[in-house]
Amino acid sequence: MEPYLVSLGGGVLIGVIYSAIKVRSPAPPLIALIGLLGMLIGAQAIPTLKPLLGF
């Protein structure tokens, strides 16, 4: 649970900094969220598939 809280805190901190210096996110929100979803799926794929493939 701790890594999730650290990640959320880091994201909020960066969001506050971006807002304070009036910088827009480098990627459109929908594209960024889809990219993050892909990263999450990719990160979970290997640990999930290892036992199924016998590694």
PDB file of N, CA and C in Angstrom:
ATOM      1  N   MET A   1       0.822  -1.196   0.000  1.00  0.00           N
ATOM      2  CA  MET A   1       0.000   0.000   0.000  1.00  0.00           C
ATOM      3  C   MET A   1       0.865   1.259   0.000  1.00  0.00           C
ATOM      4  N   GLU A   2       2.017   1.178   0.672  1.00  0.00           N
ATOM      5  CA  GLU A   2       2.888   2.355   0.766  1.00  0.00           C
ATOM      6  C   GLU A   2       3.351   2.862  -0.602  1.00  0.00           C
ATOM      7  N   PRO A   3       3.777   1.985  -1.528  1.00  0.00           N
ATOM      8  CA  PRO A   3       4.196   2.508  -2.839  1.00  0.00           C
ATOM      9  C   PRO A   3       3.077   3.278  -3.551  1.00  0.00           C
ATOM     10  N   TYR A   4       1.840   2.849  -3.358  1.00  0.00           N
ATOM     11  CA  TYR A   4       0.728   3.544  -3.990  1.00  0.00           C
ATOM     12  C   TYR A   4       0.553   4.943  -3.405  1.00  0.00           C
ATOM     13  N   LEU A   5       0.710   5.050  -2.101  1.00  0.00           N
ATOM     14  CA  LEU A   5       0.582   6.355  -1.456  1.00  0.00           C
ATOM     15  C   LEU A   5       1.721   7.283  -1.856  1.00  0.00           C
ATOM     16  N   VAL A   6       2.928   6.736  -1.964  1.00  0.00           N
ATOM     17  CA  VAL A   6       4.079   7.536  -2.402  1.00  0.00           C
ATOM     18  C   VAL A   6       3.854   8.010  -3.833  1.00  0.00           C
ATOM     19  N   SER A   7       3.372   7.121  -4.688  1.00  0.00           N
ATOM     20  CA  SER A   7       3.101   7.479  -6.078  1.00  0.00           C
ATOM     21  C   SER A   7       2.027   8.548  -6.178  1.00  0.00           C
ATOM     22  N   LEU A   8       0.954   8.379  -5.420  1.00  0.00           N
ATOM     23  CA  LEU A   8      -0.115   9.373  -5.413  1.00  0.00           C
ATOM     24  C   LEU A   8       0.409  10.714  -4.904  1.00  0.00           C
ATOM     25  N   GLY A   9       1.173  10.695  -3.828  1.00  0.00           N
ATOM     26  CA  GLY A   9       1.736  11.926  -3.283  1.00  0.00           C
ATOM     27  C   GLY A   9       2.657  12.613  -4.272  1.00  0.00           C
ATOM     28  N   GLY A  10       3.482  11.832  -4.954  1.00  0.00           N
ATOM     29  CA  GLY A  10       4.374  12.400  -5.966  1.00  0.00           C
ATOM     30  C   GLY A  10       3.592  13.037  -7.102  1.00  0.00           C
ATOM     31  N   GLY A  11       2.539  12.375  -7.537  1.00  0.00           N
ATOM     32  CA  GLY A  11       1.701  12.927  -8.606  1.00  0.00           C
ATOM     33  C   GLY A  11       1.019  14.216  -8.193  1.00  0.00           C
ATOM     34  N   VAL A  12       0.509  14.240  -6.968  1.00  0.00           N
ATOM     35  CA  VAL A  12      -0.132  15.459  -6.474  1.00  0.00           C
ATOM     36  C   VAL A  12       0.889  16.585  -6.370  1.00  0.00           C
ATOM     37  N   LEU A  13       2.075  16.281  -5.865  1.00  0.00           N
ATOM     38  CA  LEU A  13       3.118  17.302  -5.739  1.00  0.00           C
ATOM     39  C   LEU A  13       3.488  17.878  -7.107  1.00  0.00           C
ATOM     40  N   ILE A  14       3.688  17.023  -8.088  1.00  0.00           N
ATOM     41  CA  ILE A  14       4.024  17.502  -9.434  1.00  0.00           C
ATOM     42  C   ILE A  14       2.877  18.319 -10.001  1.00  0.00           C
ATOM     43  N   GLY A  15       1.643  17.889  -9.758  1.00  0.00           N
ATOM     44  CA  GLY A  15       0.484  18.647 -10.223  1.00  0.00           C
ATOM     45  C   GLY A  15       0.435  20.042  -9.620  1.00  0.00           C
ATOM     46  N   VAL A  16       0.736  20.140  -8.338  1.00  0.00           N
ATOM     47  CA  VAL A  16       0.754  21.446  -7.670  1.00  0.00           C
ATOM     48  C   VAL A  16       1.861  22.322  -8.251  1.00  0.00           C
ATOM     49  N   ILE A  17       3.028  21.738  -8.470  1.00  0.00           N
ATOM     50  CA  ILE A  17       4.145  22.508  -9.050  1.00  0.00           C
ATOM     51  C   ILE A  17       3.786  22.988 -10.453  1.00  0.00           C
ATOM     52  N   TYR A  18       3.215  22.083 -11.287  1.00  0.00           N
ATOM     53  CA  TYR A  18       2.809  22.472 -12.643  1.00  0.00           C
ATOM     54  C   TYR A  18       1.810  23.628 -12.589  1.00  0.00           C
ATOM     55  N   SER A  19       0.854  23.532 -11.670  1.00  0.00           N
ATOM     56  CA  SER A  19      -0.160  24.572 -11.552  1.00  0.00           C
ATOM     57  C   SER A  19       0.456  25.890 -11.087  1.00  0.00           C
ATOM     58  N   ALA A  20       1.383  25.819 -10.141  1.00  0.00           N
ATOM     59  CA  ALA A  20       2.004  27.033  -9.599  1.00  0.00           C
ATOM     60  C   ALA A  20       2.810  27.780 -10.652  1.00  0.00           C
ATOM     61  N   ILE A  21       3.482  27.048 -11.522  1.00  0.00           N
ATOM     62  CA  ILE A  21       4.287  27.722 -12.547  1.00  0.00           C
ATOM     63  C   ILE A  21       3.553  27.807 -13.890  1.00  0.00           C
ATOM     64  N   LYS A  22       2.265  27.459 -13.852  1.00  0.00           N
ATOM     65  CA  LYS A  22       1.375  27.563 -15.015  1.00  0.00           C
ATOM     66  C   LYS A  22       1.887  26.793 -16.224  1.00  0.00           C
ATOM     67  N   VAL A  23       2.272  25.549 -15.993  1.00  0.00           N
ATOM     68  CA  VAL A  23       2.722  24.660 -17.063  1.00  0.00           C
ATOM     69  C   VAL A  23       1.637  23.614 -17.274  1.00  0.00           C
ATOM     70  N   ARG A  24       1.304  23.383 -18.513  1.00  0.00           N
ATOM     71  CA  ARG A  24       0.318  22.348 -18.808  1.00  0.00           C
ATOM     72  C   ARG A  24       1.004  20.992 -18.818  1.00  0.00           C
ATOM     73  N   SER A  25       0.227  19.977 -18.563  1.00  0.00           N
ATOM     74  CA  SER A  25       0.751  18.619 -18.610  1.00  0.00           C
ATOM     75  C   SER A  25       1.335  18.360 -19.992  1.00  0.00           C
ATOM     76  N   PRO A  26       2.469  17.655 -20.077  1.00  0.00           N
ATOM     77  CA  PRO A  26       3.093  17.435 -21.382  1.00  0.00           C
ATOM     78  C   PRO A  26       2.275  16.551 -22.314  1.00  0.00           C
ATOM     79  N   ALA A  27       1.297  15.851 -21.806  1.00  0.00           N
ATOM     80  CA  ALA A  27       0.460  15.000 -22.652  1.00  0.00           C
ATOM     81  C   ALA A  27      -1.003  15.299 -22.348  1.00  0.00           C
ATOM     82  N   PRO A  28      -1.850  15.196 -23.353  1.00  0.00           N
ATOM     83  CA  PRO A  28      -3.279  15.359 -23.084  1.00  0.00           C
ATOM     84  C   PRO A  28      -3.726  14.328 -22.046  1.00  0.00           C
ATOM     85  N   PRO A  29      -4.613  14.710 -21.139  1.00  0.00           N
ATOM     86  CA  PRO A  29      -4.987  13.818 -20.031  1.00  0.00           C
ATOM     87  C   PRO A  29      -5.436  12.421 -20.462  1.00  0.00           C
ATOM     88  N   LEU A  30      -6.259  12.298 -21.481  1.00  0.00           N
ATOM     89  CA  LEU A  30      -6.730  10.975 -21.891  1.00  0.00           C
ATOM     90  C   LEU A  30      -5.576  10.117 -22.395  1.00  0.00           C
ATOM     91  N   ILE A  31      -4.703  10.701 -23.191  1.00  0.00           N
ATOM     92  CA  ILE A  31      -3.563   9.941 -23.703  1.00  0.00           C
ATOM     93  C   ILE A  31      -2.650   9.532 -22.555  1.00  0.00           C
ATOM     94  N   ALA A  32      -2.439  10.428 -21.608  1.00  0.00           N
ATOM     95  CA  ALA A  32      -1.582  10.115 -20.462  1.00  0.00           C
ATOM     96  C   ALA A  32      -2.179   8.983 -19.637  1.00  0.00           C
ATOM     97  N   LEU A  33      -3.482   9.017 -19.417  1.00  0.00           N
ATOM     98  CA  LEU A  33      -4.127   7.962 -18.626  1.00  0.00           C
ATOM     99  C   LEU A  33      -4.072   6.617 -19.333  1.00  0.00           C
ATOM    100  N   ILE A  34      -4.241   6.616 -20.641  1.00  0.00           N
ATOM    101  CA  ILE A  34      -4.153   5.362 -21.391  1.00  0.00           C
ATOM    102  C   ILE A  34      -2.729   4.821 -21.327  1.00  0.00           C
ATOM    103  N   GLY A  35      -1.745   5.706 -21.422  1.00  0.00           N
ATOM    104  CA  GLY A  35      -0.354   5.279 -21.295  1.00  0.00           C
ATOM    105  C   GLY A  35      -0.060   4.691 -19.929  1.00  0.00           C
ATOM    106  N   LEU A  36      -0.584   5.333 -18.886  1.00  0.00           N
ATOM    107  CA  LEU A  36      -0.391   4.807 -17.531  1.00  0.00           C
ATOM    108  C   LEU A  36      -1.077   3.460 -17.360  1.00  0.00           C
ATOM    109  N   LEU A  37      -2.254   3.311 -17.941  1.00  0.00           N
ATOM    110  CA  LEU A  37      -2.943   2.021 -17.887  1.00  0.00           C
ATOM    111  C   LEU A  37      -2.110   0.942 -18.571  1.00  0.00           C
ATOM    112  N   GLY A  38      -1.529   1.272 -19.708  1.00  0.00           N
ATOM    113  CA  GLY A  38      -0.666   0.318 -20.404  1.00  0.00           C
ATOM    114  C   GLY A  38       0.541  -0.070 -19.575  1.00  0.00           C
ATOM    115  N   MET A  39       1.132   0.908 -18.879  1.00  0.00           N
ATOM    116  CA  MET A  39       2.277   0.616 -18.017  1.00  0.00           C
ATOM    117  C   MET A  39       1.867  -0.302 -16.875  1.00  0.00           C
ATOM    118  N   LEU A  40       0.709  -0.050 -16.302  1.00  0.00           N
ATOM    119  CA  LEU A  40       0.219  -0.879 -15.207  1.00  0.00           C
ATOM    120  C   LEU A  40      -0.037  -2.312 -15.670  1.00  0.00           C
ATOM    121  N   ILE A  41      -0.669  -2.453 -16.817  1.00  0.00           N
ATOM    122  CA  ILE A  41      -0.930  -3.798 -17.363  1.00  0.00           C
ATOM    123  C   ILE A  41       0.385  -4.505 -17.660  1.00  0.00           C
ATOM    124  N   GLY A  42       1.323  -3.799 -18.254  1.00  0.00           N
ATOM    125  CA  GLY A  42       2.616  -4.397 -18.562  1.00  0.00           C
ATOM    126  C   GLY A  42       3.371  -4.831 -17.324  1.00  0.00           C
ATOM    127  N   ALA A  43       3.313  -4.014 -16.283  1.00  0.00           N
ATOM    128  CA  ALA A  43       4.014  -4.336 -15.038  1.00  0.00           C
ATOM    129  C   ALA A  43       3.403  -5.552 -14.344  1.00  0.00           C
ATOM    130  N   GLN A  44       2.114  -5.739 -14.494  1.00  0.00           N
ATOM    131  CA  GLN A  44       1.438  -6.864 -13.856  1.00  0.00           C
ATOM    132  C   GLN A  44       1.475  -8.127 -14.710  1.00  0.00           C
ATOM    133  N   ALA A  45       1.755  -7.982 -15.991  1.00  0.00           N
ATOM    134  CA  ALA A  45       1.703  -9.127 -16.906  1.00  0.00           C
ATOM    135  C   ALA A  45       2.769 -10.171 -16.584  1.00  0.00           C
ATOM    136  N   ILE A  46       3.989  -9.752 -16.355  1.00  0.00           N
ATOM    137  CA  ILE A  46       5.071 -10.717 -16.135  1.00  0.00           C
ATOM    138  C   ILE A  46       4.861 -11.521 -14.855  1.00  0.00           C
ATOM    139  N   PRO A  47       4.605 -10.900 -13.699  1.00  0.00           N
ATOM    140  CA  PRO A  47       4.383 -11.710 -12.502  1.00  0.00           C
ATOM    141  C   PRO A  47       3.161 -12.633 -12.632  1.00  0.00           C
ATOM    142  N   THR A  48       2.169 -12.206 -13.392  1.00  0.00           N
ATOM    143  CA  THR A  48       0.967 -13.018 -13.565  1.00  0.00           C
ATOM    144  C   THR A  48       1.234 -14.190 -14.501  1.00  0.00           C
ATOM    145  N   LEU A  49       2.000 -13.976 -15.545  1.00  0.00           N
ATOM    146  CA  LEU A  49       2.229 -15.009 -16.553  1.00  0.00           C
ATOM    147  C   LEU A  49       3.335 -15.994 -16.175  1.00  0.00           C
ATOM    148  N   LYS A  50       4.261 -15.610 -15.315  1.00  0.00           N
ATOM    149  CA  LYS A  50       5.369 -16.495 -14.934  1.00  0.00           C
ATOM    150  C   LYS A  50       4.878 -17.860 -14.443  1.00  0.00           C
ATOM    151  N   PRO A  51       3.970 -17.934 -13.464  1.00  0.00           N
ATOM    152  CA  PRO A  51       3.531 -19.257 -13.004  1.00  0.00           C
ATOM    153  C   PRO A  51       2.775 -20.028 -14.093  1.00  0.00           C
ATOM    154  N   LEU A  52       2.044 -19.326 -14.921  1.00  0.00           N
ATOM    155  CA  LEU A  52       1.289 -19.997 -15.980  1.00  0.00           C
ATOM    156  C   LEU A  52       2.202 -20.610 -17.029  1.00  0.00           C
ATOM    157  N   LEU A  53       3.358 -19.968 -17.256  1.00  0.00           N
ATOM    158  CA  LEU A  53       4.296 -20.445 -18.255  1.00  0.00           C
ATOM    159  C   LEU A  53       5.368 -21.371 -17.674  1.00  0.00           C
ATOM    160  N   GLY A  54       5.364 -21.527 -16.370  1.00  0.00           N
ATOM    161  CA  GLY A  54       6.302 -22.440 -15.725  1.00  0.00           C
ATOM    162  C   GLY A  54       7.685 -21.871 -15.466  1.00  0.00           C
ATOM    163  N   PHE A  55       7.801 -20.568 -15.375  1.00  0.00           N
ATOM    164  CA  PHE A  55       9.114 -19.955 -15.111  1.00  0.00           C
ATOM    165  C   PHE A  55       9.350 -19.809 -13.641  1.00  0.00           C
TER     166      PHE A  55
END
